[in-house]
Amino acid sequence: MRINLDIPDGIAQCPSFSRADWLREMAISLFEQEQVTLGIASQIAGIHLMEFQKIIGSRGVCAHYDAVEFADDMENLRRRGWL
């Protein structure tokens, strides 16, 4: 598998760029390239799904969320009695 990371030089060369920072950047890149799901990407990054969504949203990354996934989510919410 080939993974392309687009990390600005200022970040990549920063000595304070931590392991968590690298994992987050890899997770974003893998998700953006549609190699992993949103849930898996948030796990790779080690952060809550909602926080990961905020991060990718702030970077203009498409969430790859379609009508079928929306319908599945709605059904899951109904089954749990949340709707």
N, C-alpha and C. Protein backbone atom coordinates (compact mmCIF):
# COMPACT_ATOMS: atom_id res chain seq x y z
N MET A 1 0.84 -1.17 0.00
CA MET A 1 0.00 0.00 0.00
C MET A 1 0.89 1.23 0.00
N ARG A 2 0.48 2.20 -0.78
CA ARG A 2 1.20 3.47 -0.82
C ARG A 2 0.35 4.52 -0.13
N ILE A 3 0.95 5.26 0.78
CA ILE A 3 0.26 6.31 1.50
C ILE A 3 0.96 7.63 1.21
N ASN A 4 0.20 8.60 0.74
CA ASN A 4 0.75 9.93 0.49
C ASN A 4 0.33 10.86 1.61
N LEU A 5 1.30 11.49 2.23
CA LEU A 5 1.02 12.45 3.28
C LEU A 5 1.41 13.84 2.80
N ASP A 6 0.53 14.79 2.98
CA ASP A 6 0.80 16.17 2.63
C ASP A 6 0.85 16.96 3.93
N ILE A 7 2.05 17.05 4.49
CA ILE A 7 2.25 17.73 5.76
C ILE A 7 3.10 18.96 5.50
N PRO A 8 2.59 20.13 5.86
CA PRO A 8 3.37 21.34 5.65
C PRO A 8 4.75 21.26 6.29
N ASP A 9 5.76 21.82 5.62
CA ASP A 9 7.14 21.76 6.13
C ASP A 9 7.26 22.30 7.54
N GLY A 10 6.53 23.37 7.82
CA GLY A 10 6.61 23.96 9.15
C GLY A 10 6.20 23.00 10.25
N ILE A 11 5.26 22.12 9.94
CA ILE A 11 4.81 21.13 10.93
C ILE A 11 5.77 19.95 10.97
N ALA A 12 6.11 19.43 9.79
CA ALA A 12 6.95 18.24 9.72
C ALA A 12 8.33 18.45 10.33
N GLN A 13 8.82 19.66 10.28
CA GLN A 13 10.16 19.95 10.79
C GLN A 13 10.15 20.49 12.22
N CYS A 14 8.98 20.63 12.77
CA CYS A 14 8.83 21.16 14.12
C CYS A 14 9.20 20.09 15.15
N PRO A 15 10.15 20.38 16.04
CA PRO A 15 10.56 19.38 17.01
C PRO A 15 9.45 18.99 18.00
N SER A 16 8.43 19.84 18.12
CA SER A 16 7.36 19.52 19.05
C SER A 16 6.24 18.71 18.40
N PHE A 17 6.42 18.31 17.14
CA PHE A 17 5.44 17.49 16.44
C PHE A 17 5.50 16.10 17.04
N SER A 18 4.47 15.73 17.79
CA SER A 18 4.47 14.50 18.59
C SER A 18 4.00 13.27 17.80
N ARG A 19 4.09 12.14 18.48
CA ARG A 19 3.58 10.89 17.91
C ARG A 19 2.08 11.02 17.63
N ALA A 20 1.35 11.63 18.55
CA ALA A 20 -0.08 11.83 18.36
C ALA A 20 -0.36 12.71 17.14
N ASP A 21 0.48 13.70 16.93
CA ASP A 21 0.33 14.57 15.75
C ASP A 21 0.52 13.76 14.47
N TRP A 22 1.54 12.90 14.44
CA TRP A 22 1.79 12.07 13.26
C TRP A 22 0.64 11.11 13.02
N LEU A 23 0.14 10.49 14.07
CA LEU A 23 -0.99 9.56 13.92
C LEU A 23 -2.22 10.29 13.38
N ARG A 24 -2.47 11.48 13.90
CA ARG A 24 -3.61 12.27 13.42
C ARG A 24 -3.45 12.59 11.93
N GLU A 25 -2.27 13.01 11.53
CA GLU A 25 -2.04 13.36 10.13
C GLU A 25 -2.16 12.14 9.21
N MET A 26 -1.65 10.99 9.68
CA MET A 26 -1.78 9.77 8.89
C MET A 26 -3.23 9.35 8.77
N ALA A 27 -3.98 9.46 9.86
CA ALA A 27 -5.39 9.09 9.84
C ALA A 27 -6.17 9.98 8.88
N ILE A 28 -5.90 11.27 8.90
CA ILE A 28 -6.57 12.19 7.99
C ILE A 28 -6.25 11.84 6.55
N SER A 29 -4.99 11.58 6.28
CA SER A 29 -4.58 11.24 4.92
C SER A 29 -5.21 9.94 4.44
N LEU A 30 -5.20 8.92 5.28
CA LEU A 30 -5.82 7.64 4.91
C LEU A 30 -7.31 7.80 4.66
N PHE A 31 -7.97 8.58 5.50
CA PHE A 31 -9.40 8.81 5.31
C PHE A 31 -9.65 9.59 4.03
N GLU A 32 -8.87 10.62 3.80
CA GLU A 32 -9.05 11.45 2.61
C GLU A 32 -8.86 10.64 1.33
N GLN A 33 -7.95 9.66 1.38
CA GLN A 33 -7.69 8.79 0.23
C GLN A 33 -8.66 7.61 0.17
N GLU A 34 -9.64 7.59 1.08
CA GLU A 34 -10.66 6.55 1.16
C GLU A 34 -10.07 5.16 1.37
N GLN A 35 -8.99 5.11 2.16
CA GLN A 35 -8.36 3.83 2.51
C GLN A 35 -8.96 3.26 3.79
N VAL A 36 -9.52 4.14 4.65
CA VAL A 36 -10.15 3.71 5.89
C VAL A 36 -11.44 4.49 6.09
N THR A 37 -12.31 3.96 6.94
CA THR A 37 -13.56 4.63 7.25
C THR A 37 -13.31 5.75 8.26
N LEU A 38 -14.33 6.56 8.45
CA LEU A 38 -14.26 7.64 9.43
C LEU A 38 -13.97 7.10 10.83
N GLY A 39 -14.67 6.02 11.19
CA GLY A 39 -14.48 5.42 12.51
C GLY A 39 -13.07 4.88 12.70
N ILE A 40 -12.56 4.19 11.70
CA ILE A 40 -11.20 3.64 11.79
C ILE A 40 -10.18 4.77 11.85
N ALA A 41 -10.39 5.80 11.05
CA ALA A 41 -9.47 6.94 11.05
C ALA A 41 -9.42 7.60 12.43
N SER A 42 -10.58 7.76 13.06
CA SER A 42 -10.58 8.38 14.39
C SER A 42 -9.87 7.48 15.41
N GLN A 43 -9.98 6.17 15.23
CA GLN A 43 -9.26 5.24 16.11
C GLN A 43 -7.75 5.35 15.89
N ILE A 44 -7.33 5.42 14.63
CA ILE A 44 -5.90 5.57 14.33
C ILE A 44 -5.37 6.85 14.99
N ALA A 45 -6.16 7.92 14.87
CA ALA A 45 -5.75 9.20 15.45
C ALA A 45 -5.82 9.20 16.98
N GLY A 46 -6.57 8.23 17.53
CA GLY A 46 -6.69 8.14 18.98
C GLY A 46 -7.57 9.23 19.57
N ILE A 47 -8.56 9.68 18.78
CA ILE A 47 -9.46 10.72 19.27
C ILE A 47 -10.91 10.32 19.00
N HIS A 48 -11.81 10.96 19.71
CA HIS A 48 -13.24 10.68 19.56
C HIS A 48 -13.68 11.01 18.13
N LEU A 49 -14.63 10.25 17.65
CA LEU A 49 -15.15 10.41 16.29
C LEU A 49 -15.58 11.84 16.01
N MET A 50 -16.30 12.46 16.94
CA MET A 50 -16.78 13.83 16.73
C MET A 50 -15.62 14.82 16.63
N GLU A 51 -14.60 14.63 17.42
CA GLU A 51 -13.42 15.51 17.35
C GLU A 51 -12.71 15.34 16.00
N PHE A 52 -12.62 14.09 15.54
CA PHE A 52 -12.00 13.84 14.24
C PHE A 52 -12.80 14.52 13.13
N GLN A 53 -14.13 14.43 13.22
CA GLN A 53 -14.97 15.09 12.22
C GLN A 53 -14.75 16.60 12.22
N LYS A 54 -14.59 17.20 13.40
CA LYS A 54 -14.32 18.64 13.48
C LYS A 54 -13.00 18.97 12.79
N ILE A 55 -12.00 18.15 13.01
CA ILE A 55 -10.68 18.40 12.42
C ILE A 55 -10.75 18.32 10.90
N ILE A 56 -11.34 17.24 10.37
CA ILE A 56 -11.38 17.13 8.91
C ILE A 56 -12.27 18.22 8.31
N GLY A 57 -13.31 18.59 9.02
CA GLY A 57 -14.17 19.68 8.54
C GLY A 57 -13.42 20.99 8.46
N SER A 58 -12.58 21.26 9.47
CA SER A 58 -11.82 22.50 9.48
C SER A 58 -10.79 22.55 8.36
N ARG A 59 -10.44 21.38 7.85
CA ARG A 59 -9.47 21.31 6.75
C ARG A 59 -10.14 21.16 5.39
N GLY A 60 -11.46 21.12 5.39
CA GLY A 60 -12.19 21.03 4.13
C GLY A 60 -12.18 19.64 3.52
N VAL A 61 -11.94 18.61 4.34
CA VAL A 61 -11.93 17.23 3.86
C VAL A 61 -13.37 16.73 3.80
N CYS A 62 -13.74 16.16 2.67
CA CYS A 62 -15.07 15.61 2.48
C CYS A 62 -15.27 14.41 3.41
N ALA A 63 -16.44 14.35 4.03
CA ALA A 63 -16.73 13.28 5.00
C ALA A 63 -17.12 11.95 4.34
N HIS A 64 -17.27 11.89 3.02
CA HIS A 64 -17.63 10.66 2.31
C HIS A 64 -18.88 10.02 2.91
N TYR A 65 -19.86 10.80 3.14
CA TYR A 65 -21.09 10.35 3.80
C TYR A 65 -22.22 10.47 2.79
N ASP A 66 -22.80 9.33 2.41
CA ASP A 66 -23.83 9.37 1.38
C ASP A 66 -25.21 9.02 1.93
N ALA A 67 -26.20 9.00 1.06
CA ALA A 67 -27.59 8.76 1.47
C ALA A 67 -27.78 7.38 2.08
N VAL A 68 -27.08 6.39 1.58
CA VAL A 68 -27.20 5.03 2.13
C VAL A 68 -26.68 4.99 3.57
N GLU A 69 -25.55 5.63 3.80
CA GLU A 69 -25.00 5.67 5.16
C GLU A 69 -25.94 6.45 6.10
N PHE A 70 -26.52 7.52 5.59
CA PHE A 70 -27.47 8.29 6.38
C PHE A 70 -28.67 7.41 6.77
N ALA A 71 -29.21 6.68 5.81
CA ALA A 71 -30.34 5.79 6.09
C ALA A 71 -29.96 4.72 7.12
N ASP A 72 -28.76 4.18 7.00
CA ASP A 72 -28.27 3.19 7.99
C ASP A 72 -28.20 3.81 9.38
N ASP A 73 -27.65 5.02 9.45
CA ASP A 73 -27.55 5.70 10.74
C ASP A 73 -28.93 5.96 11.34
N MET A 74 -29.86 6.39 10.52
CA MET A 74 -31.21 6.64 10.99
C MET A 74 -31.85 5.36 11.53
N GLU A 75 -31.65 4.27 10.84
CA GLU A 75 -32.19 2.98 11.29
C GLU A 75 -31.57 2.57 12.62
N ASN A 76 -30.26 2.74 12.74
CA ASN A 76 -29.58 2.42 14.00
C ASN A 76 -30.13 3.26 15.15
N LEU A 77 -30.38 4.54 14.90
CA LEU A 77 -30.94 5.41 15.93
C LEU A 77 -32.35 4.97 16.32
N ARG A 78 -33.13 4.57 15.33
CA ARG A 78 -34.50 4.09 15.61
C ARG A 78 -34.47 2.82 16.47
N ARG A 79 -33.59 1.90 16.11
CA ARG A 79 -33.48 0.65 16.87
C ARG A 79 -33.09 0.90 18.31
N ARG A 80 -32.32 1.92 18.53
CA ARG A 80 -31.89 2.25 19.90
C ARG A 80 -32.90 3.12 20.63
N GLY A 81 -33.97 3.49 19.94
CA GLY A 81 -35.01 4.29 20.56
C GLY A 81 -34.66 5.76 20.69
N TRP A 82 -33.71 6.22 19.90
CA TRP A 82 -33.30 7.63 19.97
C TRP A 82 -34.12 8.51 19.05
N LEU A 83 -34.94 7.91 18.19
CA LEU A 83 -35.81 8.69 17.31
C LEU A 83 -37.24 8.27 17.52
